[in-house]
């Protein structure tokens, strides 16, 4: 929600979008049978018209935070992080740094 506020979405429209994201009833298929309906706390409904827009707004900071340690490849709803290194120790450090940065971004934006 904080990211939407950064883009100028406030007050009633922000409250409307918050309702759109929270308490969404979903069911899934498990062993050829449907599960009971459960409320999902944070999600974008699959197949929604606004889903791609919200996804792009959410991930647009990823290239900025990963620029030093990795190359990011974004296409539609697919994201790949490419990390290269000459040593396994450096590679491990870069991977951990990138995932920590991405996790921090996700926690701050929810």
PDB file of N, CA and C in Angstrom:
ATOM      1  N   UNK A   1       0.807  -1.187   0.000  1.00  0.00           N
ATOM      2  CA  UNK A   1       0.000   0.000   0.000  1.00  0.00           C
ATOM      3  C   UNK A   1       0.858   1.262   0.000  1.00  0.00           C
ATOM      4  N   UNK A   2       2.015   1.186   0.671  1.00  0.00           N
ATOM      5  CA  UNK A   2       2.868   2.377   0.727  1.00  0.00           C
ATOM      6  C   UNK A   2       3.367   2.762  -0.664  1.00  0.00           C
ATOM      7  N   UNK A   3       3.594   1.776  -1.500  1.00  0.00           N
ATOM      8  CA  UNK A   3       4.061   2.081  -2.851  1.00  0.00           C
ATOM      9  C   UNK A   3       2.971   2.783  -3.656  1.00  0.00           C
ATOM     10  N   UNK A   4       1.733   2.379  -3.489  1.00  0.00           N
ATOM     11  CA  UNK A   4       0.636   3.046  -4.184  1.00  0.00           C
ATOM     12  C   UNK A   4       0.513   4.492  -3.717  1.00  0.00           C
ATOM     13  N   UNK A   5       0.748   4.728  -2.427  1.00  0.00           N
ATOM     14  CA  UNK A   5       0.720   6.093  -1.912  1.00  0.00           C
ATOM     15  C   UNK A   5       1.837   6.929  -2.535  1.00  0.00           C
ATOM     16  N   UNK A   6       2.986   6.321  -2.787  1.00  0.00           N
ATOM     17  CA  UNK A   6       4.084   7.036  -3.440  1.00  0.00           C
ATOM     18  C   UNK A   6       3.692   7.502  -4.838  1.00  0.00           C
ATOM     19  N   UNK A   7       2.802   6.753  -5.486  1.00  0.00           N
ATOM     20  CA  UNK A   7       2.333   7.123  -6.820  1.00  0.00           C
ATOM     21  C   UNK A   7       1.127   8.058  -6.778  1.00  0.00           C
ATOM     22  N   UNK A   8       0.733   8.489  -5.577  1.00  0.00           N
ATOM     23  CA  UNK A   8      -0.345   9.465  -5.449  1.00  0.00           C
ATOM     24  C   UNK A   8      -1.727   8.867  -5.266  1.00  0.00           C
ATOM     25  N   UNK A   9      -1.807   7.574  -5.040  1.00  0.00           N
ATOM     26  CA  UNK A   9      -3.106   6.935  -4.804  1.00  0.00           C
ATOM     27  C   UNK A   9      -3.384   7.005  -3.305  1.00  0.00           C
ATOM     28  N   UNK A  10      -4.388   7.768  -2.925  1.00  0.00           N
ATOM     29  CA  UNK A  10      -4.669   8.015  -1.508  1.00  0.00           C
ATOM     30  C   UNK A  10      -6.167   7.961  -1.228  1.00  0.00           C
ATOM     31  N   UNK A  11      -6.481   8.034   0.025  1.00  0.00           N
ATOM     32  CA  UNK A  11      -7.824   8.137   0.577  1.00  0.00           C
ATOM     33  C   UNK A  11      -8.766   7.049   0.081  1.00  0.00           C
ATOM     34  N   UNK A  12      -9.896   7.436  -0.512  1.00  0.00           N
ATOM     35  CA  UNK A  12     -10.940   6.463  -0.855  1.00  0.00           C
ATOM     36  C   UNK A  12     -10.470   5.452  -1.903  1.00  0.00           C
ATOM     37  N   UNK A  13      -9.701   5.920  -2.876  1.00  0.00           N
ATOM     38  CA  UNK A  13      -9.231   4.993  -3.908  1.00  0.00           C
ATOM     39  C   UNK A  13      -8.249   3.981  -3.325  1.00  0.00           C
ATOM     40  N   UNK A  14      -7.392   4.431  -2.421  1.00  0.00           N
ATOM     41  CA  UNK A  14      -6.460   3.520  -1.745  1.00  0.00           C
ATOM     42  C   UNK A  14      -7.221   2.498  -0.901  1.00  0.00           C
ATOM     43  N   UNK A  15      -8.260   2.952  -0.211  1.00  0.00           N
ATOM     44  CA  UNK A  15      -9.083   2.036   0.594  1.00  0.00           C
ATOM     45  C   UNK A  15      -9.774   1.008  -0.298  1.00  0.00           C
ATOM     46  N   UNK A  16     -10.239   1.426  -1.466  1.00  0.00           N
ATOM     47  CA  UNK A  16     -10.880   0.513  -2.410  1.00  0.00           C
ATOM     48  C   UNK A  16      -9.892  -0.540  -2.902  1.00  0.00           C
ATOM     49  N   UNK A  17      -8.684  -0.115  -3.235  1.00  0.00           N
ATOM     50  CA  UNK A  17      -7.666  -1.054  -3.701  1.00  0.00           C
ATOM     51  C   UNK A  17      -7.265  -2.008  -2.581  1.00  0.00           C
ATOM     52  N   UNK A  18      -7.183  -1.497  -1.352  1.00  0.00           N
ATOM     53  CA  UNK A  18      -6.834  -2.353  -0.212  1.00  0.00           C
ATOM     54  C   UNK A  18      -7.869  -3.464  -0.051  1.00  0.00           C
ATOM     55  N   UNK A  19      -9.138  -3.150  -0.218  1.00  0.00           N
ATOM     56  CA  UNK A  19     -10.189  -4.176  -0.159  1.00  0.00           C
ATOM     57  C   UNK A  19     -10.019  -5.196  -1.284  1.00  0.00           C
ATOM     58  N   UNK A  20      -9.561  -4.739  -2.422  1.00  0.00           N
ATOM     59  CA  UNK A  20      -9.351  -5.609  -3.575  1.00  0.00           C
ATOM     60  C   UNK A  20      -8.250  -6.634  -3.298  1.00  0.00           C
ATOM     61  N   UNK A  21      -7.234  -6.237  -2.491  1.00  0.00           N
ATOM     62  CA  UNK A  21      -6.101  -7.108  -2.204  1.00  0.00           C
ATOM     63  C   UNK A  21      -6.298  -8.025  -1.006  1.00  0.00           C
ATOM     64  N   UNK A  22      -7.159  -7.681  -0.093  1.00  0.00           N
ATOM     65  CA  UNK A  22      -7.239  -8.416   1.172  1.00  0.00           C
ATOM     66  C   UNK A  22      -8.515  -9.230   1.268  1.00  0.00           C
ATOM     67  N   UNK A  23      -8.422 -10.250   2.071  1.00  0.00           N
ATOM     68  CA  UNK A  23      -9.551 -11.128   2.360  1.00  0.00           C
ATOM     69  C   UNK A  23     -10.232 -11.652   1.099  1.00  0.00           C
ATOM     70  N   UNK A  24      -9.416 -12.229   0.236  1.00  0.00           N
ATOM     71  CA  UNK A  24      -9.907 -12.796  -1.012  1.00  0.00           C
ATOM     72  C   UNK A  24     -10.148 -14.288  -0.792  1.00  0.00           C
ATOM     73  N   UNK A  25     -11.377 -14.753  -0.986  1.00  0.00           N
ATOM     74  CA  UNK A  25     -11.604 -16.185  -0.817  1.00  0.00           C
ATOM     75  C   UNK A  25     -11.031 -16.969  -2.002  1.00  0.00           C
ATOM     76  N   UNK A  26     -10.250 -18.011  -1.701  1.00  0.00           N
ATOM     77  CA  UNK A  26      -9.674 -18.843  -2.750  1.00  0.00           C
ATOM     78  C   UNK A  26      -9.802 -20.315  -2.380  1.00  0.00           C
ATOM     79  N   UNK A  27      -9.856 -21.126  -3.410  1.00  0.00           N
ATOM     80  CA  UNK A  27      -9.882 -22.565  -3.259  1.00  0.00           C
ATOM     81  C   UNK A  27      -8.831 -23.132  -4.206  1.00  0.00           C
ATOM     82  N   UNK A  28      -8.298 -24.290  -3.906  1.00  0.00           N
ATOM     83  CA  UNK A  28      -7.302 -24.909  -4.772  1.00  0.00           C
ATOM     84  C   UNK A  28      -7.626 -26.387  -4.941  1.00  0.00           C
ATOM     85  N   UNK A  29      -7.004 -26.998  -5.955  1.00  0.00           N
ATOM     86  CA  UNK A  29      -7.219 -28.418  -6.219  1.00  0.00           C
ATOM     87  C   UNK A  29      -6.082 -29.206  -5.591  1.00  0.00           C
ATOM     88  N   UNK A  30      -6.436 -30.224  -4.804  1.00  0.00           N
ATOM     89  CA  UNK A  30      -5.452 -31.075  -4.149  1.00  0.00           C
ATOM     90  C   UNK A  30      -5.920 -32.522  -4.292  1.00  0.00           C
ATOM     91  N   UNK A  31      -5.103 -33.340  -4.936  1.00  0.00           N
ATOM     92  CA  UNK A  31      -5.453 -34.754  -5.153  1.00  0.00           C
ATOM     93  C   UNK A  31      -6.815 -34.912  -5.823  1.00  0.00           C
ATOM     94  N   UNK A  32      -7.027 -34.153  -6.875  1.00  0.00           N
ATOM     95  CA  UNK A  32      -8.246 -34.209  -7.689  1.00  0.00           C
ATOM     96  C   UNK A  32      -9.518 -33.811  -6.948  1.00  0.00           C
ATOM     97  N   UNK A  33      -9.391 -33.128  -5.836  1.00  0.00           N
ATOM     98  CA  UNK A  33     -10.581 -32.618  -5.153  1.00  0.00           C
ATOM     99  C   UNK A  33     -10.326 -31.179  -4.735  1.00  0.00           C
ATOM    100  N   UNK A  34     -11.395 -30.417  -4.667  1.00  0.00           N
ATOM    101  CA  UNK A  34     -11.273 -29.011  -4.313  1.00  0.00           C
ATOM    102  C   UNK A  34     -11.137 -28.848  -2.808  1.00  0.00           C
ATOM    103  N   UNK A  35     -10.340 -27.870  -2.412  1.00  0.00           N
ATOM    104  CA  UNK A  35     -10.209 -27.565  -0.992  1.00  0.00           C
ATOM    105  C   UNK A  35     -11.395 -26.702  -0.564  1.00  0.00           C
ATOM    106  N   UNK A  36     -11.507 -26.500   0.734  1.00  0.00           N
ATOM    107  CA  UNK A  36     -12.513 -25.558   1.209  1.00  0.00           C
ATOM    108  C   UNK A  36     -12.045 -24.146   0.894  1.00  0.00           C
ATOM    109  N   UNK A  37     -12.968 -23.206   0.911  1.00  0.00           N
ATOM    110  CA  UNK A  37     -12.621 -21.818   0.643  1.00  0.00           C
ATOM    111  C   UNK A  37     -11.921 -21.236   1.861  1.00  0.00           C
ATOM    112  N   UNK A  38     -10.802 -20.546   1.615  1.00  0.00           N
ATOM    113  CA  UNK A  38     -10.047 -19.901   2.675  1.00  0.00           C
ATOM    114  C   UNK A  38      -9.745 -18.469   2.262  1.00  0.00           C
ATOM    115  N   UNK A  39      -9.643 -17.576   3.252  1.00  0.00           N
ATOM    116  CA  UNK A  39      -9.306 -16.186   2.967  1.00  0.00           C
ATOM    117  C   UNK A  39      -7.793 -16.039   2.828  1.00  0.00           C
ATOM    118  N   UNK A  40      -7.373 -15.391   1.755  1.00  0.00           N
ATOM    119  CA  UNK A  40      -5.967 -15.109   1.519  1.00  0.00           C
ATOM    120  C   UNK A  40      -5.715 -13.677   1.983  1.00  0.00           C
ATOM    121  N   UNK A  41      -4.693 -13.492   2.829  1.00  0.00           N
ATOM    122  CA  UNK A  41      -4.458 -12.176   3.418  1.00  0.00           C
ATOM    123  C   UNK A  41      -3.905 -11.173   2.412  1.00  0.00           C
ATOM    124  N   UNK A  42      -2.969 -11.583   1.560  1.00  0.00           N
ATOM    125  CA  UNK A  42      -2.366 -10.684   0.574  1.00  0.00           C
ATOM    126  C   UNK A  42      -2.275 -11.423  -0.752  1.00  0.00           C
ATOM    127  N   UNK A  43      -2.909 -10.853  -1.776  1.00  0.00           N
ATOM    128  CA  UNK A  43      -2.860 -11.513  -3.070  1.00  0.00           C
ATOM    129  C   UNK A  43      -3.449 -10.603  -4.128  1.00  0.00           C
ATOM    130  N   UNK A  44      -3.114 -10.892  -5.356  1.00  0.00           N
ATOM    131  CA  UNK A  44      -3.784 -10.279  -6.495  1.00  0.00           C
ATOM    132  C   UNK A  44      -4.555 -11.401  -7.158  1.00  0.00           C
ATOM    133  N   UNK A  45      -5.858 -11.235  -7.335  1.00  0.00           N
ATOM    134  CA  UNK A  45      -6.654 -12.316  -7.925  1.00  0.00           C
ATOM    135  C   UNK A  45      -6.125 -12.748  -9.292  1.00  0.00           C
ATOM    136  N   UNK A  46      -5.973 -14.043  -9.485  1.00  0.00           N
ATOM    137  CA  UNK A  46      -5.502 -14.580 -10.755  1.00  0.00           C
ATOM    138  C   UNK A  46      -6.499 -14.257 -11.856  1.00  0.00           C
ATOM    139  N   UNK A  47      -5.989 -13.849 -13.006  1.00  0.00           N
ATOM    140  CA  UNK A  47      -6.835 -13.557 -14.145  1.00  0.00           C
ATOM    141  C   UNK A  47      -7.536 -12.220 -14.071  1.00  0.00           C
ATOM    142  N   UNK A  48      -7.166 -11.399 -13.111  1.00  0.00           N
ATOM    143  CA  UNK A  48      -7.825 -10.104 -12.980  1.00  0.00           C
ATOM    144  C   UNK A  48      -7.291  -9.126 -14.015  1.00  0.00           C
ATOM    145  N   UNK A  49      -8.076  -8.139 -14.343  1.00  0.00           N
ATOM    146  CA  UNK A  49      -7.676  -7.131 -15.313  1.00  0.00           C
ATOM    147  C   UNK A  49      -6.593  -6.223 -14.729  1.00  0.00           C
ATOM    148  N   UNK A  50      -6.700  -5.901 -13.454  1.00  0.00           N
ATOM    149  CA  UNK A  50      -5.733  -5.008 -12.816  1.00  0.00           C
ATOM    150  C   UNK A  50      -4.473  -5.717 -12.355  1.00  0.00           C
ATOM    151  N   UNK A  51      -4.477  -7.039 -12.328  1.00  0.00           N
ATOM    152  CA  UNK A  51      -3.338  -7.801 -11.836  1.00  0.00           C
ATOM    153  C   UNK A  51      -2.018  -7.444 -12.490  1.00  0.00           C
ATOM    154  N   UNK A  52      -1.921  -7.417 -13.826  1.00  0.00           N
ATOM    155  CA  UNK A  52      -0.642  -7.073 -14.456  1.00  0.00           C
ATOM    156  C   UNK A  52      -0.141  -5.673 -14.090  1.00  0.00           C
ATOM    157  N   UNK A  53      -1.041  -4.711 -13.967  1.00  0.00           N
ATOM    158  CA  UNK A  53      -0.632  -3.364 -13.584  1.00  0.00           C
ATOM    159  C   UNK A  53      -0.053  -3.350 -12.174  1.00  0.00           C
ATOM    160  N   UNK A  54      -0.734  -3.977 -11.234  1.00  0.00           N
ATOM    161  CA  UNK A  54      -0.242  -4.010  -9.861  1.00  0.00           C
ATOM    162  C   UNK A  54       1.062  -4.790  -9.760  1.00  0.00           C
ATOM    163  N   UNK A  55       1.197  -5.855 -10.534  1.00  0.00           N
ATOM    164  CA  UNK A  55       2.440  -6.621 -10.545  1.00  0.00           C
ATOM    165  C   UNK A  55       3.607  -5.745 -11.009  1.00  0.00           C
ATOM    166  N   UNK A  56       3.408  -5.002 -12.092  1.00  0.00           N
ATOM    167  CA  UNK A  56       4.470  -4.142 -12.609  1.00  0.00           C
ATOM    168  C   UNK A  56       4.814  -3.022 -11.627  1.00  0.00           C
ATOM    169  N   UNK A  57       3.816  -2.447 -10.985  1.00  0.00           N
ATOM    170  CA  UNK A  57       4.080  -1.418  -9.977  1.00  0.00           C
ATOM    171  C   UNK A  57       4.885  -1.996  -8.821  1.00  0.00           C
ATOM    172  N   UNK A  58       4.598  -3.241  -8.467  1.00  0.00           N
ATOM    173  CA  UNK A  58       5.268  -3.865  -7.337  1.00  0.00           C
ATOM    174  C   UNK A  58       6.728  -4.192  -7.635  1.00  0.00           C
ATOM    175  N   UNK A  59       7.027  -4.681  -8.841  1.00  0.00           N
ATOM    176  CA  UNK A  59       8.389  -5.140  -9.130  1.00  0.00           C
ATOM    177  C   UNK A  59       9.279  -4.080  -9.774  1.00  0.00           C
ATOM    178  N   UNK A  60       8.770  -2.886 -10.044  1.00  0.00           N
ATOM    179  CA  UNK A  60       9.583  -1.926 -10.789  1.00  0.00           C
ATOM    180  C   UNK A  60      10.833  -1.469 -10.046  1.00  0.00           C
ATOM    181  N   UNK A  61      10.961  -1.714  -8.755  1.00  0.00           N
ATOM    182  CA  UNK A  61      12.161  -1.360  -7.998  1.00  0.00           C
ATOM    183  C   UNK A  61      13.232  -2.451  -8.026  1.00  0.00           C
ATOM    184  N   UNK A  62      12.907  -3.620  -8.484  1.00  0.00           N
ATOM    185  CA  UNK A  62      13.873  -4.722  -8.464  1.00  0.00           C
ATOM    186  C   UNK A  62      15.182  -4.415  -9.203  1.00  0.00           C
ATOM    187  N   UNK A  63      15.157  -3.833 -10.399  1.00  0.00           N
ATOM    188  CA  UNK A  63      16.438  -3.559 -11.072  1.00  0.00           C
ATOM    189  C   UNK A  63      17.329  -2.589 -10.292  1.00  0.00           C
ATOM    190  N   UNK A  64      16.737  -1.697  -9.555  1.00  0.00           N
ATOM    191  CA  UNK A  64      17.510  -0.719  -8.790  1.00  0.00           C
ATOM    192  C   UNK A  64      18.247  -1.393  -7.640  1.00  0.00           C
ATOM    193  N   UNK A  65      17.574  -2.274  -6.919  1.00  0.00           N
ATOM    194  CA  UNK A  65      18.201  -2.863  -5.728  1.00  0.00           C
ATOM    195  C   UNK A  65      19.151  -4.001  -6.059  1.00  0.00           C
ATOM    196  N   UNK A  66      19.075  -4.568  -7.252  1.00  0.00           N
ATOM    197  CA  UNK A  66      19.959  -5.685  -7.603  1.00  0.00           C
ATOM    198  C   UNK A  66      21.071  -5.279  -8.554  1.00  0.00           C
ATOM    199  N   UNK A  67      21.216  -4.009  -8.872  1.00  0.00           N
ATOM    200  CA  UNK A  67      22.133  -3.571  -9.925  1.00  0.00           C
ATOM    201  C   UNK A  67      23.599  -3.902  -9.657  1.00  0.00           C
ATOM    202  N   UNK A  68      24.042  -3.895  -8.396  1.00  0.00           N
ATOM    203  CA  UNK A  68      25.456  -4.128  -8.103  1.00  0.00           C
ATOM    204  C   UNK A  68      25.850  -5.605  -8.116  1.00  0.00           C
ATOM    205  N   UNK A  69      24.957  -6.482  -7.737  1.00  0.00           N
ATOM    206  CA  UNK A  69      25.308  -7.890  -7.551  1.00  0.00           C
ATOM    207  C   UNK A  69      24.729  -8.838  -8.585  1.00  0.00           C
ATOM    208  N   UNK A  70      23.783  -8.360  -9.389  1.00  0.00           N
ATOM    209  CA  UNK A  70      23.118  -9.283 -10.300  1.00  0.00           C
ATOM    210  C   UNK A  70      22.524  -8.536 -11.481  1.00  0.00           C
ATOM    211  N   UNK A  71      22.212  -9.292 -12.504  1.00  0.00           N
ATOM    212  CA  UNK A  71      21.491  -8.750 -13.652  1.00  0.00           C
ATOM    213  C   UNK A  71      20.072  -9.284 -13.582  1.00  0.00           C
ATOM    214  N   UNK A  72      19.129  -8.406 -13.781  1.00  0.00           N
ATOM    215  CA  UNK A  72      17.731  -8.794 -13.707  1.00  0.00           C
ATOM    216  C   UNK A  72      17.138  -8.826 -15.110  1.00  0.00           C
ATOM    217  N   UNK A  73      16.417  -9.882 -15.426  1.00  0.00           N
ATOM    218  CA  UNK A  73      15.727 -10.004 -16.704  1.00  0.00           C
ATOM    219  C   UNK A  73      14.234 -10.089 -16.401  1.00  0.00           C
ATOM    220  N   UNK A  74      13.500  -9.082 -16.857  1.00  0.00           N
ATOM    221  CA  UNK A  74      12.052  -9.021 -16.619  1.00  0.00           C
ATOM    222  C   UNK A  74      11.330  -9.161 -17.949  1.00  0.00           C
ATOM    223  N   UNK A  75      10.354 -10.052 -17.985  1.00  0.00           N
ATOM    224  CA  UNK A  75       9.513 -10.191 -19.163  1.00  0.00           C
ATOM    225  C   UNK A  75       8.126 -10.606 -18.707  1.00  0.00           C
ATOM    226  N   UNK A  76       7.158  -9.760 -18.988  1.00  0.00           N
ATOM    227  CA  UNK A  76       5.772 -10.002 -18.588  1.00  0.00           C
ATOM    228  C   UNK A  76       5.723 -10.319 -17.096  1.00  0.00           C
ATOM    229  N   UNK A  77       5.273 -11.511 -16.737  1.00  0.00           N
ATOM    230  CA  UNK A  77       5.206 -11.856 -15.314  1.00  0.00           C
ATOM    231  C   UNK A  77       6.324 -12.816 -14.900  1.00  0.00           C
ATOM    232  N   UNK A  78       7.399 -12.846 -15.681  1.00  0.00           N
ATOM    233  CA  UNK A  78       8.526 -13.729 -15.396  1.00  0.00           C
ATOM    234  C   UNK A  78       9.735 -12.882 -15.009  1.00  0.00           C
ATOM    235  N   UNK A  79      10.400 -13.248 -13.950  1.00  0.00           N
ATOM    236  CA  UNK A  79      11.580 -12.528 -13.482  1.00  0.00           C
ATOM    237  C   UNK A  79      12.713 -13.518 -13.271  1.00  0.00           C
ATOM    238  N   UNK A  80      13.864 -13.212 -13.862  1.00  0.00           N
ATOM    239  CA  UNK A  80      15.059 -14.037 -13.659  1.00  0.00           C
ATOM    240  C   UNK A  80      16.161 -13.157 -13.097  1.00  0.00           C
ATOM    241  N   UNK A  81      16.880 -13.689 -12.128  1.00  0.00           N
ATOM    242  CA  UNK A  81      18.020 -12.994 -11.555  1.00  0.00           C
ATOM    243  C   UNK A  81      19.270 -13.766 -11.963  1.00  0.00           C
ATOM    244  N   UNK A  82      20.188 -13.094 -12.654  1.00  0.00           N
ATOM    245  CA  UNK A  82      21.412 -13.737 -13.122  1.00  0.00           C
ATOM    246  C   UNK A  82      22.570 -13.228 -12.269  1.00  0.00           C
ATOM    247  N   UNK A  83      23.239 -14.145 -11.608  1.00  0.00           N
ATOM    248  CA  UNK A  83      24.371 -13.822 -10.744  1.00  0.00           C
ATOM    249  C   UNK A  83      25.563 -14.618 -11.237  1.00  0.00           C
ATOM    250  N   UNK A  84      26.672 -13.932 -11.475  1.00  0.00           N
ATOM    251  CA  UNK A  84      27.886 -14.608 -11.923  1.00  0.00           C
ATOM    252  C   UNK A  84      29.036 -14.294 -10.969  1.00  0.00           C
ATOM    253  N   UNK A  85      29.974 -15.226 -10.903  1.00  0.00           N
ATOM    254  CA  UNK A  85      31.132 -15.039 -10.036  1.00  0.00           C
ATOM    255  C   UNK A  85      32.194 -16.071 -10.401  1.00  0.00           C
ATOM    256  N   UNK A  86      33.443 -15.755 -10.024  1.00  0.00           N
ATOM    257  CA  UNK A  86      34.545 -16.679 -10.286  1.00  0.00           C
ATOM    258  C   UNK A  86      34.779 -17.647  -9.136  1.00  0.00           C
ATOM    259  N   UNK A  87      34.211 -17.355  -7.976  1.00  0.00           N
ATOM    260  CA  UNK A  87      34.404 -18.258  -6.838  1.00  0.00           C
ATOM    261  C   UNK A  87      33.061 -18.582  -6.187  1.00  0.00           C
ATOM    262  N   UNK A  88      33.002 -19.739  -5.596  1.00  0.00           N
ATOM    263  CA  UNK A  88      31.752 -20.142  -4.949  1.00  0.00           C
ATOM    264  C   UNK A  88      31.452 -19.285  -3.721  1.00  0.00           C
ATOM    265  N   UNK A  89      32.481 -18.836  -3.037  1.00  0.00           N
ATOM    266  CA  UNK A  89      32.275 -17.992  -1.860  1.00  0.00           C
ATOM    267  C   UNK A  89      31.666 -16.654  -2.258  1.00  0.00           C
ATOM    268  N   UNK A  90      32.229 -16.033  -3.293  1.00  0.00           N
ATOM    269  CA  UNK A  90      31.697 -14.755  -3.778  1.00  0.00           C
ATOM    270  C   UNK A  90      30.285 -14.932  -4.323  1.00  0.00           C
ATOM    271  N   UNK A  91      30.065 -16.033  -5.039  1.00  0.00           N
ATOM    272  CA  UNK A  91      28.745 -16.318  -5.582  1.00  0.00           C
ATOM    273  C   UNK A  91      27.720 -16.443  -4.458  1.00  0.00           C
ATOM    274  N   UNK A  92      28.071 -17.189  -3.430  1.00  0.00           N
ATOM    275  CA  UNK A  92      27.174 -17.375  -2.288  1.00  0.00           C
ATOM    276  C   UNK A  92      26.869 -16.040  -1.607  1.00  0.00           C
ATOM    277  N   UNK A  93      27.862 -15.205  -1.450  1.00  0.00           N
ATOM    278  CA  UNK A  93      27.678 -13.891  -0.842  1.00  0.00           C
ATOM    279  C   UNK A  93      26.741 -13.037  -1.683  1.00  0.00           C
ATOM    280  N   UNK A  94      26.948 -13.036  -2.998  1.00  0.00           N
ATOM    281  CA  UNK A  94      26.087 -12.250  -3.894  1.00  0.00           C
ATOM    282  C   UNK A  94      24.641 -12.745  -3.842  1.00  0.00           C
ATOM    283  N   UNK A  95      24.451 -14.060  -3.874  1.00  0.00           N
ATOM    284  CA  UNK A  95      23.101 -14.629  -3.822  1.00  0.00           C
ATOM    285  C   UNK A  95      22.406 -14.214  -2.529  1.00  0.00           C
ATOM    286  N   UNK A  96      23.090 -14.358  -1.409  1.00  0.00           N
ATOM    287  CA  UNK A  96      22.497 -13.991  -0.128  1.00  0.00           C
ATOM    288  C   UNK A  96      22.177 -12.506  -0.057  1.00  0.00           C
ATOM    289  N   UNK A  97      23.059 -11.670  -0.603  1.00  0.00           N
ATOM    290  CA  UNK A  97      22.819 -10.227  -0.609  1.00  0.00           C
ATOM    291  C   UNK A  97      21.607  -9.870  -1.459  1.00  0.00           C
ATOM    292  N   UNK A  98      21.528 -10.447  -2.648  1.00  0.00           N
ATOM    293  CA  UNK A  98      20.403 -10.148  -3.540  1.00  0.00           C
ATOM    294  C   UNK A  98      19.088 -10.591  -2.910  1.00  0.00           C
ATOM    295  N   UNK A  99      19.041 -11.796  -2.355  1.00  0.00           N
ATOM    296  CA  UNK A  99      17.796 -12.265  -1.744  1.00  0.00           C
ATOM    297  C   UNK A  99      17.426 -11.454  -0.507  1.00  0.00           C
ATOM    298  N   UNK A 100      18.418 -11.024   0.256  1.00  0.00           N
ATOM    299  CA  UNK A 100      18.127 -10.165   1.414  1.00  0.00           C
ATOM    300  C   UNK A 100      17.566  -8.826   0.951  1.00  0.00           C
ATOM    301  N   UNK A 101      18.131  -8.260  -0.121  1.00  0.00           N
ATOM    302  CA  UNK A 101      17.626  -6.994  -0.653  1.00  0.00           C
ATOM    303  C   UNK A 101      16.205  -7.131  -1.178  1.00  0.00           C
ATOM    304  N   UNK A 102      15.950  -8.221  -1.915  1.00  0.00           N
ATOM    305  CA  UNK A 102      14.593  -8.449  -2.445  1.00  0.00           C
ATOM    306  C   UNK A 102      13.611  -8.651  -1.303  1.00  0.00           C
ATOM    307  N   UNK A 103      13.997  -9.417  -0.299  1.00  0.00           N
ATOM    308  CA  UNK A 103      13.120  -9.640   0.845  1.00  0.00           C
ATOM    309  C   UNK A 103      12.820  -8.333   1.562  1.00  0.00           C
ATOM    310  N   UNK A 104      13.820  -7.488   1.733  1.00  0.00           N
ATOM    311  CA  UNK A 104      13.611  -6.191   2.374  1.00  0.00           C
ATOM    312  C   UNK A 104      12.640  -5.337   1.569  1.00  0.00           C
ATOM    313  N   UNK A 105      12.782  -5.351   0.254  1.00  0.00           N
ATOM    314  CA  UNK A 105      11.873  -4.599  -0.613  1.00  0.00           C
ATOM    315  C   UNK A 105      10.451  -5.105  -0.453  1.00  0.00           C
ATOM    316  N   UNK A 106      10.281  -6.417  -0.435  1.00  0.00           N
ATOM    317  CA  UNK A 106       8.942  -7.005  -0.324  1.00  0.00           C
ATOM    318  C   UNK A 106       8.316  -6.659   1.025  1.00  0.00           C
ATOM    319  N   UNK A 107       9.070  -6.770   2.107  1.00  0.00           N
ATOM    320  CA  UNK A 107       8.542  -6.488   3.438  1.00  0.00           C
ATOM    321  C   UNK A 107       8.170  -5.017   3.551  1.00  0.00           C
ATOM    322  N   UNK A 108       8.970  -4.120   3.001  1.00  0.00           N
ATOM    323  CA  UNK A 108       8.680  -2.693   3.091  1.00  0.00           C
ATOM    324  C   UNK A 108       7.453  -2.304   2.280  1.00  0.00           C
ATOM    325  N   UNK A 109       7.174  -2.997   1.199  1.00  0.00           N
ATOM    326  CA  UNK A 109       6.090  -2.582   0.301  1.00  0.00           C
ATOM    327  C   UNK A 109       4.741  -3.179   0.639  1.00  0.00           C
ATOM    328  N   UNK A 110       4.684  -4.212   1.471  1.00  0.00           N
ATOM    329  CA  UNK A 110       3.392  -4.832   1.789  1.00  0.00           C
ATOM    330  C   UNK A 110       2.637  -4.057   2.848  1.00  0.00           C
TER     331      UNK A 110
END
